[in-house]
Amino acid sequence: MRRFLTVFLYLAAGCDTATEPSTAVVNQAPEARQADALLLEIAVVVEGDAPLTLAPEHITEVVLEVDGAPWGRFELDAQPPEGDAVRGPWRLIEEPRGALLVARLDRDADTTHTPPETVAAWLDVLDRTLEPGAHAARVAAITLRGTDGTQLVLQSPTWVPFDVALGAGSAWLGALTFTTTLAGEP
């Protein structure tokens, strides 16, 4: 009788696991989620007698690197600057104001400039996330566009440390300020 009961319990346990959902469940526990978006604010200050901030509408593209690897090239849907230009094709404002960038890999990352060559490389790009813990990011390039189509590219060698919290889907890099002289202007 004892053997029969043991076999019955073993078979019953096997039947219960067959009716439970498989391990490929889309809804993950919050602690298992990994970050796939970076949030940052970018402001560009123009040097001069009185430092002024470039209108955020001039920022059209940002290139990010995370932990030494490309994170993506992100285009900002910039509206033409409102108001009169203060220095040539550039509109400057007195109050510091930046552009907010949500750099989400799954939709916004542009890989057409250097597309991966293999399926495995494409999957690495599409499945890339940041595990909880310490990371470093760098704004490799910022493209500015003046009202007349003039383009200026700013590059930064500075790495910014940031942390990804356990269960967070995004990470805040901070409010970054870049300084330029607007080349070609007096």
C-alpha atoms as a PDB file:
ATOM      1  CA  MET A   1       0.000   0.000   0.000  1.00  0.00           C
ATOM      2  CA  ARG A   2       2.830   2.362   0.846  1.00  0.00           C
ATOM      3  CA  ARG A   3       4.429   1.845  -2.574  1.00  0.00           C
ATOM      4  CA  PHE A   4       1.126   2.448  -4.312  1.00  0.00           C
ATOM      5  CA  LEU A   5       0.580   5.666  -2.379  1.00  0.00           C
ATOM      6  CA  THR A   6       4.139   6.862  -3.189  1.00  0.00           C
ATOM      7  CA  VAL A   7       3.676   6.128  -6.907  1.00  0.00           C
ATOM      8  CA  PHE A   8       0.262   7.807  -6.876  1.00  0.00           C
ATOM      9  CA  LEU A   9       1.655  10.955  -5.233  1.00  0.00           C
ATOM     10  CA  TYR A  10       4.553  11.003  -7.693  1.00  0.00           C
ATOM     11  CA  LEU A  11       2.172  10.753 -10.677  1.00  0.00           C
ATOM     12  CA  ALA A  12      -0.201  13.317  -9.187  1.00  0.00           C
ATOM     13  CA  ALA A  13       2.670  15.761  -8.686  1.00  0.00           C
ATOM     14  CA  GLY A  14       3.716  15.217 -12.310  1.00  0.00           C
ATOM     15  CA  CYS A  15       0.182  15.965 -13.497  1.00  0.00           C
ATOM     16  CA  ASP A  16       0.046  19.205 -11.525  1.00  0.00           C
ATOM     17  CA  THR A  17       3.240  20.540 -13.102  1.00  0.00           C
ATOM     18  CA  ALA A  18       1.955  19.720 -16.578  1.00  0.00           C
ATOM     19  CA  THR A  19      -1.040  22.026 -16.098  1.00  0.00           C
ATOM     20  CA  GLU A  20       0.973  24.953 -14.705  1.00  0.00           C
ATOM     21  CA  PRO A  21       2.249  27.650 -17.053  1.00  0.00           C
ATOM     22  CA  SER A  22       5.695  27.094 -18.486  1.00  0.00           C
ATOM     23  CA  THR A  23       8.716  29.106 -17.449  1.00  0.00           C
ATOM     24  CA  ALA A  24       8.513  31.272 -20.597  1.00  0.00           C
ATOM     25  CA  VAL A  25       6.170  33.802 -18.987  1.00  0.00           C
ATOM     26  CA  VAL A  26       6.336  37.355 -20.298  1.00  0.00           C
ATOM     27  CA  ASN A  27       5.413  39.058 -17.023  1.00  0.00           C
ATOM     28  CA  GLN A  28       8.565  39.018 -14.941  1.00  0.00           C
ATOM     29  CA  ALA A  29       8.874  39.772 -11.287  1.00  0.00           C
ATOM     30  CA  PRO A  30      10.046  43.361 -10.712  1.00  0.00           C
ATOM     31  CA  GLU A  31      13.347  42.196  -9.263  1.00  0.00           C
ATOM     32  CA  ALA A  32      14.075  40.236 -12.491  1.00  0.00           C
ATOM     33  CA  ARG A  33      13.474  43.197 -14.808  1.00  0.00           C
ATOM     34  CA  GLN A  34      16.513  44.864 -16.379  1.00  0.00           C
ATOM     35  CA  ALA A  35      16.818  48.455 -17.606  1.00  0.00           C
ATOM     36  CA  ASP A  36      16.472  49.103 -21.330  1.00  0.00           C
ATOM     37  CA  ALA A  37      16.104  52.907 -21.260  1.00  0.00           C
ATOM     38  CA  LEU A  38      18.337  55.771 -20.177  1.00  0.00           C
ATOM     39  CA  LEU A  39      16.988  59.178 -19.199  1.00  0.00           C
ATOM     40  CA  LEU A  40      19.064  62.341 -19.381  1.00  0.00           C
ATOM     41  CA  GLU A  41      18.700  66.072 -19.783  1.00  0.00           C
ATOM     42  CA  ILE A  42      21.122  67.857 -22.096  1.00  0.00           C
ATOM     43  CA  ALA A  43      21.789  71.605 -22.000  1.00  0.00           C
ATOM     44  CA  VAL A  44      24.320  73.502 -24.104  1.00  0.00           C
ATOM     45  CA  VAL A  45      25.808  76.690 -22.623  1.00  0.00           C
ATOM     46  CA  VAL A  46      27.434  79.181 -24.992  1.00  0.00           C
ATOM     47  CA  GLU A  47      30.492  80.933 -23.619  1.00  0.00           C
ATOM     48  CA  GLY A  48      30.671  84.686 -23.851  1.00  0.00           C
ATOM     49  CA  ASP A  49      30.438  87.876 -21.807  1.00  0.00           C
ATOM     50  CA  ALA A  50      27.205  86.595 -20.273  1.00  0.00           C
ATOM     51  CA  PRO A  51      26.797  82.830 -20.634  1.00  0.00           C
ATOM     52  CA  LEU A  52      23.572  81.968 -22.419  1.00  0.00           C
ATOM     53  CA  THR A  53      21.923  78.608 -23.046  1.00  0.00           C
ATOM     54  CA  LEU A  54      21.306  77.345 -26.551  1.00  0.00           C
ATOM     55  CA  ALA A  55      17.598  76.759 -27.155  1.00  0.00           C
ATOM     56  CA  PRO A  56      16.997  72.996 -26.720  1.00  0.00           C
ATOM     57  CA  GLU A  57      15.274  72.866 -30.111  1.00  0.00           C
ATOM     58  CA  HIS A  58      18.727  73.093 -31.725  1.00  0.00           C
ATOM     59  CA  ILE A  59      19.704  69.631 -30.359  1.00  0.00           C
ATOM     60  CA  THR A  60      18.824  67.176 -33.127  1.00  0.00           C
ATOM     61  CA  GLU A  61      20.857  64.023 -32.482  1.00  0.00           C
ATOM     62  CA  VAL A  62      22.653  62.355 -29.557  1.00  0.00           C
ATOM     63  CA  VAL A  63      25.047  59.384 -29.677  1.00  0.00           C
ATOM     64  CA  LEU A  64      25.434  57.398 -26.441  1.00  0.00           C
ATOM     65  CA  GLU A  65      27.902  54.795 -25.229  1.00  0.00           C
ATOM     66  CA  VAL A  66      27.406  52.650 -22.132  1.00  0.00           C
ATOM     67  CA  ASP A  67      30.127  50.613 -20.459  1.00  0.00           C
ATOM     68  CA  GLY A  68      32.433  51.137 -23.449  1.00  0.00           C
ATOM     69  CA  ALA A  69      29.934  49.880 -26.058  1.00  0.00           C
ATOM     70  CA  PRO A  70      27.614  51.842 -28.378  1.00  0.00           C
ATOM     71  CA  TRP A  71      24.132  52.285 -26.885  1.00  0.00           C
ATOM     72  CA  GLY A  72      22.591  54.011 -29.883  1.00  0.00           C
ATOM     73  CA  ARG A  73      22.151  57.079 -32.061  1.00  0.00           C
ATOM     74  CA  PHE A  74      19.003  58.949 -31.094  1.00  0.00           C
ATOM     75  CA  GLU A  75      17.284  61.651 -33.106  1.00  0.00           C
ATOM     76  CA  LEU A  76      15.297  64.255 -31.228  1.00  0.00           C
ATOM     77  CA  ASP A  77      12.119  65.465 -32.847  1.00  0.00           C
ATOM     78  CA  ALA A  78      13.183  69.073 -32.613  1.00  0.00           C
ATOM     79  CA  GLN A  79      10.782  71.796 -33.641  1.00  0.00           C
ATOM     80  CA  PRO A  80      12.325  74.848 -35.307  1.00  0.00           C
ATOM     81  CA  PRO A  81      13.483  77.341 -32.662  1.00  0.00           C
ATOM     82  CA  GLU A  82      10.863  79.905 -31.752  1.00  0.00           C
ATOM     83  CA  GLY A  83      11.820  83.544 -31.655  1.00  0.00           C
ATOM     84  CA  ASP A  84      14.630  85.514 -33.191  1.00  0.00           C
ATOM     85  CA  ALA A  85      18.142  84.175 -33.473  1.00  0.00           C
ATOM     86  CA  VAL A  86      20.579  85.940 -31.163  1.00  0.00           C
ATOM     87  CA  ARG A  87      23.893  84.865 -32.733  1.00  0.00           C
ATOM     88  CA  GLY A  88      23.708  84.067 -36.394  1.00  0.00           C
ATOM     89  CA  PRO A  89      21.521  80.976 -36.854  1.00  0.00           C
ATOM     90  CA  TRP A  90      21.440  80.187 -33.127  1.00  0.00           C
ATOM     91  CA  ARG A  91      18.716  81.175 -30.666  1.00  0.00           C
ATOM     92  CA  LEU A  92      20.043  81.723 -27.173  1.00  0.00           C
ATOM     93  CA  ILE A  93      18.008  82.024 -23.998  1.00  0.00           C
ATOM     94  CA  GLU A  94      18.896  83.407 -20.573  1.00  0.00           C
ATOM     95  CA  GLU A  95      17.311  80.720 -18.398  1.00  0.00           C
ATOM     96  CA  PRO A  96      19.056  77.346 -18.444  1.00  0.00           C
ATOM     97  CA  ARG A  97      16.835  74.805 -20.165  1.00  0.00           C
ATOM     98  CA  GLY A  98      17.744  71.449 -21.633  1.00  0.00           C
ATOM     99  CA  ALA A  99      16.277  68.791 -23.875  1.00  0.00           C
ATOM    100  CA  LEU A 100      15.033  65.585 -22.259  1.00  0.00           C
ATOM    101  CA  LEU A 101      16.155  62.382 -23.969  1.00  0.00           C
ATOM    102  CA  VAL A 102      14.626  58.974 -23.331  1.00  0.00           C
ATOM    103  CA  ALA A 103      17.128  56.624 -24.969  1.00  0.00           C
ATOM    104  CA  ARG A 104      15.156  53.394 -25.247  1.00  0.00           C
ATOM    105  CA  LEU A 105      16.899  50.618 -27.117  1.00  0.00           C
ATOM    106  CA  ASP A 106      13.889  48.732 -28.412  1.00  0.00           C
ATOM    107  CA  ARG A 107      12.458  51.562 -30.505  1.00  0.00           C
ATOM    108  CA  ASP A 108      14.838  54.469 -30.851  1.00  0.00           C
ATOM    109  CA  ALA A 109      18.301  53.032 -31.377  1.00  0.00           C
ATOM    110  CA  ASP A 110      19.448  53.637 -34.926  1.00  0.00           C
ATOM    111  CA  THR A 111      21.767  50.868 -36.068  1.00  0.00           C
ATOM    112  CA  THR A 112      21.686  51.728 -39.765  1.00  0.00           C
ATOM    113  CA  HIS A 113      24.996  53.624 -39.576  1.00  0.00           C
ATOM    114  CA  THR A 114      26.856  50.472 -38.532  1.00  0.00           C
ATOM    115  CA  PRO A 115      24.429  47.558 -38.932  1.00  0.00           C
ATOM    116  CA  PRO A 116      25.346  44.227 -37.344  1.00  0.00           C
ATOM    117  CA  GLU A 117      26.562  41.639 -39.846  1.00  0.00           C
ATOM    118  CA  THR A 118      25.141  38.443 -38.330  1.00  0.00           C
ATOM    119  CA  VAL A 119      21.857  37.314 -36.819  1.00  0.00           C
ATOM    120  CA  ALA A 120      23.591  36.754 -33.486  1.00  0.00           C
ATOM    121  CA  ALA A 121      24.901  40.345 -33.552  1.00  0.00           C
ATOM    122  CA  TRP A 122      21.369  41.650 -34.279  1.00  0.00           C
ATOM    123  CA  LEU A 123      19.986  39.626 -31.352  1.00  0.00           C
ATOM    124  CA  ASP A 124      22.690  41.071 -29.094  1.00  0.00           C
ATOM    125  CA  VAL A 125      21.548  44.588 -30.051  1.00  0.00           C
ATOM    126  CA  LEU A 126      17.846  43.824 -29.642  1.00  0.00           C
ATOM    127  CA  ASP A 127      18.213  41.960 -26.337  1.00  0.00           C
ATOM    128  CA  ARG A 128      20.698  44.351 -24.744  1.00  0.00           C
ATOM    129  CA  THR A 129      19.693  45.516 -21.276  1.00  0.00           C
ATOM    130  CA  LEU A 130      21.498  46.802 -18.212  1.00  0.00           C
ATOM    131  CA  GLU A 131      21.695  44.620 -15.141  1.00  0.00           C
ATOM    132  CA  PRO A 132      21.237  46.229 -11.725  1.00  0.00           C
ATOM    133  CA  GLY A 133      24.383  47.852 -10.409  1.00  0.00           C
ATOM    134  CA  ALA A 134      27.005  50.409 -11.385  1.00  0.00           C
ATOM    135  CA  HIS A 135      27.565  51.496 -14.994  1.00  0.00           C
ATOM    136  CA  ALA A 136      29.168  54.388 -16.882  1.00  0.00           C
ATOM    137  CA  ALA A 137      27.814  56.321 -19.863  1.00  0.00           C
ATOM    138  CA  ARG A 138      29.239  58.870 -22.254  1.00  0.00           C
ATOM    139  CA  VAL A 139      27.519  61.250 -24.619  1.00  0.00           C
ATOM    140  CA  ALA A 140      29.854  60.567 -27.526  1.00  0.00           C
ATOM    141  CA  ALA A 141      28.367  63.247 -29.797  1.00  0.00           C
ATOM    142  CA  ILE A 142      25.641  65.883 -29.868  1.00  0.00           C
ATOM    143  CA  THR A 143      24.551  67.317 -33.194  1.00  0.00           C
ATOM    144  CA  LEU A 144      23.238  70.881 -33.152  1.00  0.00           C
ATOM    145  CA  ARG A 145      21.384  72.398 -36.108  1.00  0.00           C
ATOM    146  CA  GLY A 146      20.984  76.143 -36.645  1.00  0.00           C
ATOM    147  CA  THR A 147      17.984  77.832 -38.246  1.00  0.00           C
ATOM    148  CA  ASP A 148      19.874  78.045 -41.560  1.00  0.00           C
ATOM    149  CA  GLY A 149      20.802  74.330 -41.567  1.00  0.00           C
ATOM    150  CA  THR A 150      24.280  74.882 -40.105  1.00  0.00           C
ATOM    151  CA  GLN A 151      25.417  71.833 -38.135  1.00  0.00           C
ATOM    152  CA  LEU A 152      27.777  71.730 -35.196  1.00  0.00           C
ATOM    153  CA  VAL A 153      28.886  68.491 -33.513  1.00  0.00           C
ATOM    154  CA  LEU A 154      30.019  68.494 -29.882  1.00  0.00           C
ATOM    155  CA  GLN A 155      32.007  65.561 -28.514  1.00  0.00           C
ATOM    156  CA  SER A 156      32.733  64.686 -24.914  1.00  0.00           C
ATOM    157  CA  PRO A 157      35.439  62.445 -23.469  1.00  0.00           C
ATOM    158  CA  THR A 158      33.765  62.461 -20.027  1.00  0.00           C
ATOM    159  CA  TRP A 159      32.173  59.314 -18.621  1.00  0.00           C
ATOM    160  CA  VAL A 160      29.244  59.680 -16.217  1.00  0.00           C
ATOM    161  CA  PRO A 161      28.774  57.004 -13.548  1.00  0.00           C
ATOM    162  CA  PHE A 162      25.197  55.894 -12.828  1.00  0.00           C
ATOM    163  CA  ASP A 163      23.386  53.090 -11.042  1.00  0.00           C
ATOM    164  CA  VAL A 164      20.568  50.851 -12.212  1.00  0.00           C
ATOM    165  CA  ALA A 165      18.262  50.000  -9.323  1.00  0.00           C
ATOM    166  CA  LEU A 166      17.020  46.456  -8.853  1.00  0.00           C
ATOM    167  CA  GLY A 167      13.760  46.056 -10.789  1.00  0.00           C
ATOM    168  CA  ALA A 168      14.058  49.395 -12.632  1.00  0.00           C
ATOM    169  CA  GLY A 169      13.200  49.560 -16.326  1.00  0.00           C
ATOM    170  CA  SER A 170      15.163  52.793 -16.795  1.00  0.00           C
ATOM    171  CA  ALA A 171      18.069  54.689 -15.277  1.00  0.00           C
ATOM    172  CA  TRP A 172      18.586  58.439 -14.779  1.00  0.00           C
ATOM    173  CA  LEU A 173      21.978  59.653 -16.018  1.00  0.00           C
ATOM    174  CA  GLY A 174      21.461  63.205 -14.814  1.00  0.00           C
ATOM    175  CA  ALA A 175      21.297  66.734 -16.179  1.00  0.00           C
ATOM    176  CA  LEU A 176      24.393  67.145 -18.350  1.00  0.00           C
ATOM    177  CA  THR A 177      25.664  70.566 -19.423  1.00  0.00           C
ATOM    178  CA  PHE A 178      27.994  71.036 -22.380  1.00  0.00           C
ATOM    179  CA  THR A 179      29.874  74.224 -23.209  1.00  0.00           C
ATOM    180  CA  THR A 180      30.637  75.573 -26.683  1.00  0.00           C
ATOM    181  CA  THR A 181      31.739  78.785 -28.347  1.00  0.00           C
ATOM    182  CA  LEU A 182      29.590  78.368 -31.484  1.00  0.00           C
ATOM    183  CA  ALA A 183      32.482  78.151 -33.938  1.00  0.00           C
ATOM    184  CA  GLY A 184      32.488  80.782 -36.621  1.00  0.00           C
ATOM    185  CA  GLU A 185      30.839  83.392 -34.426  1.00  0.00           C
ATOM    186  CA  PRO A 186      32.736  86.454 -33.165  1.00  0.00           C
END
